[in-house]
N, C-alpha and C. Protein backbone atom coordinates (compact mmCIF):
# COMPACT_ATOMS: atom_id res chain seq x y z
N MET A 1 -95.87 50.90 18.50
CA MET A 1 -96.15 52.62 18.49
C MET A 1 -97.41 51.87 18.79
N ASP A 2 -98.16 53.26 19.85
CA ASP A 2 -99.63 53.00 20.10
C ASP A 2 -99.92 54.60 19.93
N LEU A 3 -101.27 54.33 18.97
CA LEU A 3 -101.51 55.62 18.82
C LEU A 3 -103.25 55.95 18.89
N THR A 4 -103.67 56.71 19.10
CA THR A 4 -104.88 57.07 19.25
C THR A 4 -105.49 57.39 18.10
N PRO A 5 -106.78 56.91 17.87
CA PRO A 5 -107.52 57.18 16.53
C PRO A 5 -107.56 58.69 16.10
N GLN A 6 -107.17 59.47 16.88
CA GLN A 6 -107.20 61.22 16.53
C GLN A 6 -105.32 61.33 16.11
N GLN A 7 -104.40 60.30 16.46
CA GLN A 7 -103.17 60.23 15.81
C GLN A 7 -103.24 60.05 14.88
N LEU A 8 -103.52 58.58 14.69
CA LEU A 8 -103.69 57.57 13.42
C LEU A 8 -104.16 58.43 12.07
N LEU A 9 -105.05 59.71 12.36
CA LEU A 9 -105.62 60.47 11.00
C LEU A 9 -104.43 61.17 10.48
N GLN A 10 -103.37 61.49 11.14
CA GLN A 10 -102.18 62.17 10.67
C GLN A 10 -101.74 61.22 9.32
N PHE A 11 -101.80 60.17 9.71
CA PHE A 11 -101.15 59.33 8.64
C PHE A 11 -102.22 58.37 7.44
N ASN A 12 -103.07 59.76 6.68
CA ASN A 12 -103.83 59.60 5.75
C ASN A 12 -103.37 59.43 4.15
N GLY A 13 -102.26 59.98 4.24
CA GLY A 13 -101.76 60.00 3.08
C GLY A 13 -101.20 61.65 2.18
N SER A 14 -102.14 62.63 3.11
CA SER A 14 -102.35 64.08 2.66
C SER A 14 -100.99 64.55 2.71
N ASP A 15 -100.14 64.05 3.63
CA ASP A 15 -98.53 64.32 4.07
C ASP A 15 -97.80 63.26 3.16
N PRO A 16 -96.91 64.05 2.05
CA PRO A 16 -96.39 63.04 1.63
C PRO A 16 -94.91 62.47 2.31
N SER A 17 -94.86 63.08 3.19
CA SER A 17 -93.32 62.77 4.10
C SER A 17 -94.04 61.75 5.30
N LYS A 18 -95.27 61.55 5.17
CA LYS A 18 -95.14 60.68 6.26
C LYS A 18 -95.89 59.15 5.80
N PRO A 19 -95.88 57.96 6.45
CA PRO A 19 -96.16 56.79 5.90
C PRO A 19 -97.47 56.93 5.74
N ILE A 20 -98.27 55.84 5.00
CA ILE A 20 -99.92 55.92 5.02
C ILE A 20 -100.28 54.50 5.80
N TYR A 21 -100.81 54.59 6.92
CA TYR A 21 -101.44 53.42 7.83
C TYR A 21 -103.19 53.36 8.02
N VAL A 22 -103.51 52.24 7.50
CA VAL A 22 -104.60 51.60 7.79
C VAL A 22 -104.71 50.85 9.15
N ALA A 23 -106.00 51.01 9.98
CA ALA A 23 -106.09 49.98 11.14
C ALA A 23 -107.06 48.99 10.89
N ILE A 24 -106.83 47.65 11.19
CA ILE A 24 -107.56 46.37 11.35
C ILE A 24 -107.68 45.87 12.73
N ASN A 25 -109.00 45.87 13.24
CA ASN A 25 -109.00 45.29 14.52
C ASN A 25 -108.23 45.70 15.28
N GLY A 26 -107.79 47.18 15.50
CA GLY A 26 -106.71 47.82 16.38
C GLY A 26 -105.30 47.72 15.95
N ARG A 27 -105.12 46.82 15.08
CA ARG A 27 -103.68 46.73 14.65
C ARG A 27 -103.38 47.92 13.49
N ILE A 28 -102.28 48.44 13.58
CA ILE A 28 -101.89 49.15 12.44
C ILE A 28 -100.94 49.06 11.12
N TYR A 29 -101.52 48.79 10.27
CA TYR A 29 -100.45 48.44 9.19
C TYR A 29 -100.23 49.58 8.11
N ASP A 30 -98.78 49.27 8.10
CA ASP A 30 -98.25 50.42 6.76
C ASP A 30 -98.45 49.96 5.57
N VAL A 31 -99.61 50.99 4.70
CA VAL A 31 -99.89 50.26 3.54
C VAL A 31 -99.11 51.26 2.73
N SER A 32 -97.94 52.09 2.54
CA SER A 32 -97.77 52.96 2.23
C SER A 32 -96.80 52.29 0.49
N ALA A 33 -96.64 50.91 0.80
CA ALA A 33 -96.65 50.20 -0.48
C ALA A 33 -97.63 50.20 -1.45
N GLY A 34 -99.08 50.50 -0.80
CA GLY A 34 -99.74 50.43 -1.45
C GLY A 34 -100.68 51.97 -1.78
N LYS A 35 -99.65 52.60 -2.06
CA LYS A 35 -99.96 54.24 -2.16
C LYS A 35 -101.09 54.42 -3.26
N SER A 36 -100.65 53.80 -4.50
CA SER A 36 -101.94 53.96 -5.37
C SER A 36 -103.82 53.54 -5.05
N PHE A 37 -103.54 52.79 -3.92
CA PHE A 37 -105.14 52.30 -3.43
C PHE A 37 -105.47 53.24 -2.56
N TYR A 38 -104.35 53.59 -1.40
CA TYR A 38 -104.73 54.29 -0.34
C TYR A 38 -104.33 55.96 -0.31
N GLY A 39 -103.43 56.01 -1.21
CA GLY A 39 -103.26 57.31 -1.02
C GLY A 39 -104.36 58.12 -1.62
N PRO A 40 -104.06 59.70 -1.59
CA PRO A 40 -105.26 60.76 -2.00
C PRO A 40 -105.54 60.35 -3.83
N GLY A 41 -106.94 59.77 -3.92
CA GLY A 41 -107.41 59.59 -5.29
C GLY A 41 -107.58 58.13 -5.36
N GLY A 42 -106.86 57.56 -4.75
CA GLY A 42 -107.35 56.05 -4.72
C GLY A 42 -108.21 55.50 -4.51
N ALA A 43 -108.29 54.29 -4.68
CA ALA A 43 -109.72 53.79 -4.78
C ALA A 43 -110.31 53.28 -3.19
N TYR A 44 -109.26 53.18 -2.25
CA TYR A 44 -109.36 53.07 -0.87
C TYR A 44 -109.04 54.31 -0.05
N ALA A 45 -109.01 55.18 -0.43
CA ALA A 45 -108.31 56.44 0.26
C ALA A 45 -109.21 56.83 1.71
N MET A 46 -110.39 56.46 1.50
CA MET A 46 -111.41 56.54 2.42
C MET A 46 -110.76 55.93 3.97
N PHE A 47 -109.75 54.98 3.49
CA PHE A 47 -109.58 53.87 4.54
C PHE A 47 -108.38 54.64 5.46
N ALA A 48 -107.53 55.21 4.08
CA ALA A 48 -106.17 55.90 5.07
C ALA A 48 -106.48 56.40 6.13
N GLY A 49 -105.64 56.56 7.61
CA GLY A 49 -105.73 57.05 8.73
C GLY A 49 -106.83 56.57 9.34
N LYS A 50 -107.18 55.55 9.62
CA LYS A 50 -108.37 54.95 10.05
C LYS A 50 -108.32 53.53 10.35
N ASP A 51 -109.15 53.26 11.51
CA ASP A 51 -109.40 51.70 11.59
C ASP A 51 -110.50 51.19 10.38
N ALA A 52 -110.51 50.85 9.47
CA ALA A 52 -111.51 50.16 8.22
C ALA A 52 -112.04 48.88 8.88
N SER A 53 -112.41 48.31 10.02
CA SER A 53 -112.49 47.17 10.28
C SER A 53 -114.00 46.87 10.08
N ARG A 54 -115.05 47.72 10.42
CA ARG A 54 -116.68 47.36 10.06
C ARG A 54 -116.71 47.40 8.62
N ALA A 55 -115.98 48.43 7.76
CA ALA A 55 -115.96 48.71 6.42
C ALA A 55 -115.61 47.35 5.71
N LEU A 56 -114.34 46.94 6.08
CA LEU A 56 -113.85 46.09 5.04
C LEU A 56 -114.89 44.51 5.46
N ALA A 57 -115.28 44.44 6.55
CA ALA A 57 -115.82 43.25 7.02
C ALA A 57 -117.45 43.29 6.16
N LYS A 58 -118.21 44.58 6.18
CA LYS A 58 -119.18 44.76 5.21
C LYS A 58 -119.15 44.94 3.97
N MET A 59 -117.67 44.78 3.62
CA MET A 59 -117.23 45.45 2.09
C MET A 59 -117.99 46.79 1.93
N SER A 60 -117.85 48.05 2.50
CA SER A 60 -118.45 48.60 2.38
C SER A 60 -117.73 50.27 2.34
N LYS A 61 -117.81 51.10 1.35
CA LYS A 61 -117.10 52.66 1.52
C LYS A 61 -117.78 53.22 2.45
N ASN A 62 -118.89 53.38 2.83
CA ASN A 62 -119.83 54.24 3.41
C ASN A 62 -119.27 54.60 4.57
N GLU A 63 -119.10 56.11 4.56
CA GLU A 63 -118.32 56.86 5.85
C GLU A 63 -119.01 56.15 7.12
N GLU A 64 -120.10 56.10 7.31
CA GLU A 64 -120.43 55.56 8.70
C GLU A 64 -119.80 53.90 9.23
N ASP A 65 -119.44 53.11 8.20
CA ASP A 65 -118.65 52.15 8.37
C ASP A 65 -117.49 51.93 8.61
N ILE A 66 -116.88 53.31 8.70
CA ILE A 66 -115.33 53.17 8.26
C ILE A 66 -114.95 53.46 9.92
N CYS A 67 -115.17 52.47 10.26
CA CYS A 67 -115.28 52.28 11.98
C CYS A 67 -114.30 51.38 12.68
N ALA A 68 -113.75 50.99 14.01
CA ALA A 68 -113.51 49.89 14.37
C ALA A 68 -114.79 49.03 15.14
N ASN A 69 -115.96 49.91 15.32
CA ASN A 69 -117.47 48.80 15.84
C ASN A 69 -117.41 47.44 14.80
N LEU A 70 -117.02 46.13 15.94
CA LEU A 70 -117.83 45.30 15.01
C LEU A 70 -119.20 44.29 15.89
N GLY A 71 -119.76 45.27 16.56
CA GLY A 71 -120.79 44.97 17.17
C GLY A 71 -122.16 44.79 16.08
N GLY A 72 -122.51 43.56 16.06
CA GLY A 72 -123.83 43.66 15.14
C GLY A 72 -123.26 43.01 14.03
N LEU A 73 -122.08 42.55 13.96
CA LEU A 73 -121.62 41.66 12.48
C LEU A 73 -122.16 40.46 12.39
N SER A 74 -122.67 40.01 11.15
CA SER A 74 -122.81 38.51 11.04
C SER A 74 -121.51 37.70 11.22
N GLU A 75 -121.90 36.44 11.24
CA GLU A 75 -120.86 34.99 11.30
C GLU A 75 -120.11 35.77 10.01
N LYS A 76 -120.92 35.64 8.75
CA LYS A 76 -120.43 35.53 7.74
C LYS A 76 -119.21 37.16 7.60
N GLU A 77 -119.68 38.18 7.93
CA GLU A 77 -119.23 39.35 7.80
C GLU A 77 -117.71 39.20 8.97
N MET A 78 -117.94 38.66 9.80
CA MET A 78 -116.62 38.46 10.73
C MET A 78 -115.67 37.48 10.07
N GLY A 79 -116.27 36.47 9.06
CA GLY A 79 -115.16 35.97 8.39
C GLY A 79 -114.67 36.63 6.78
N VAL A 80 -115.44 37.52 6.59
CA VAL A 80 -114.96 38.30 5.47
C VAL A 80 -113.41 39.17 5.74
N LEU A 81 -114.05 39.68 7.29
CA LEU A 81 -113.11 40.72 7.80
C LEU A 81 -111.67 39.78 8.19
N ASN A 82 -111.82 38.91 8.74
CA ASN A 82 -110.43 37.21 8.70
C ASN A 82 -109.62 37.21 7.65
N ASP A 83 -110.45 37.39 6.39
CA ASP A 83 -110.08 36.99 4.91
C ASP A 83 -108.88 38.14 4.89
N TRP A 84 -109.42 39.53 5.08
CA TRP A 84 -108.74 40.60 5.12
C TRP A 84 -107.49 40.86 5.80
N ILE A 85 -107.77 40.49 6.84
CA ILE A 85 -106.59 40.70 8.30
C ILE A 85 -105.58 39.58 7.31
N LYS A 86 -105.83 38.58 7.28
CA LYS A 86 -104.91 37.72 6.24
C LYS A 86 -104.10 38.28 5.06
N LYS A 87 -104.76 38.87 4.21
CA LYS A 87 -104.21 39.49 3.13
C LYS A 87 -103.20 40.83 3.56
N PHE A 88 -103.78 41.66 4.70
CA PHE A 88 -103.17 42.76 4.65
C PHE A 88 -101.49 41.68 5.90
N GLU A 89 -102.22 41.29 6.71
CA GLU A 89 -100.95 40.36 7.17
C GLU A 89 -99.33 39.70 6.30
N ALA A 90 -100.01 39.37 4.91
CA ALA A 90 -99.11 38.82 4.12
C ALA A 90 -98.59 40.15 3.22
N LYS A 91 -99.34 41.13 3.27
CA LYS A 91 -98.58 42.35 2.15
C LYS A 91 -97.81 43.42 3.26
N TYR A 92 -98.73 43.77 4.11
CA TYR A 92 -98.02 44.90 4.72
C TYR A 92 -97.68 44.40 6.07
N PRO A 93 -96.46 45.27 6.79
CA PRO A 93 -95.82 45.41 7.86
C PRO A 93 -96.89 45.97 9.03
N ILE A 94 -97.23 45.47 10.20
CA ILE A 94 -97.96 45.71 11.14
C ILE A 94 -96.65 47.01 11.88
N VAL A 95 -97.10 48.02 12.25
CA VAL A 95 -96.51 48.84 12.78
C VAL A 95 -96.90 49.58 14.42
N GLY A 96 -97.91 48.60 14.55
CA GLY A 96 -98.42 49.75 15.81
C GLY A 96 -100.27 49.20 16.34
N ARG A 97 -100.53 49.74 17.27
CA ARG A 97 -101.68 49.44 17.07
C ARG A 97 -103.06 50.55 17.89
N VAL A 98 -103.94 50.57 18.02
CA VAL A 98 -104.90 51.77 18.11
C VAL A 98 -105.35 51.49 19.64
N VAL A 99 -104.99 52.66 20.21
CA VAL A 99 -105.30 52.70 22.16
C VAL A 99 -106.05 53.94 21.67
N SER A 100 -107.39 53.60 23.08
CA SER A 100 -108.20 54.75 23.17
C SER A 100 -108.12 55.60 24.24
């Protein structure tokens, strides 16, 4: 399944009848199993329905970092992002990709 960033927003946990998705590096993960973290009121709810690549790499919850832009990240930050990708791949199914 291919989703635009606009379409991905529909899967932010606000509609209980829809799954919760988080994208990393263009891959969309179904994080519904982690609803307590990614659903409304959860510690990582701000990532739901978005590509959180930059924020995860920087270990940031700032709104301006919650995006797919990896430009200017350090080697260490890219390593942190790769660690997150491994965690997500082990825990959540990949259901699609983000397209522009």
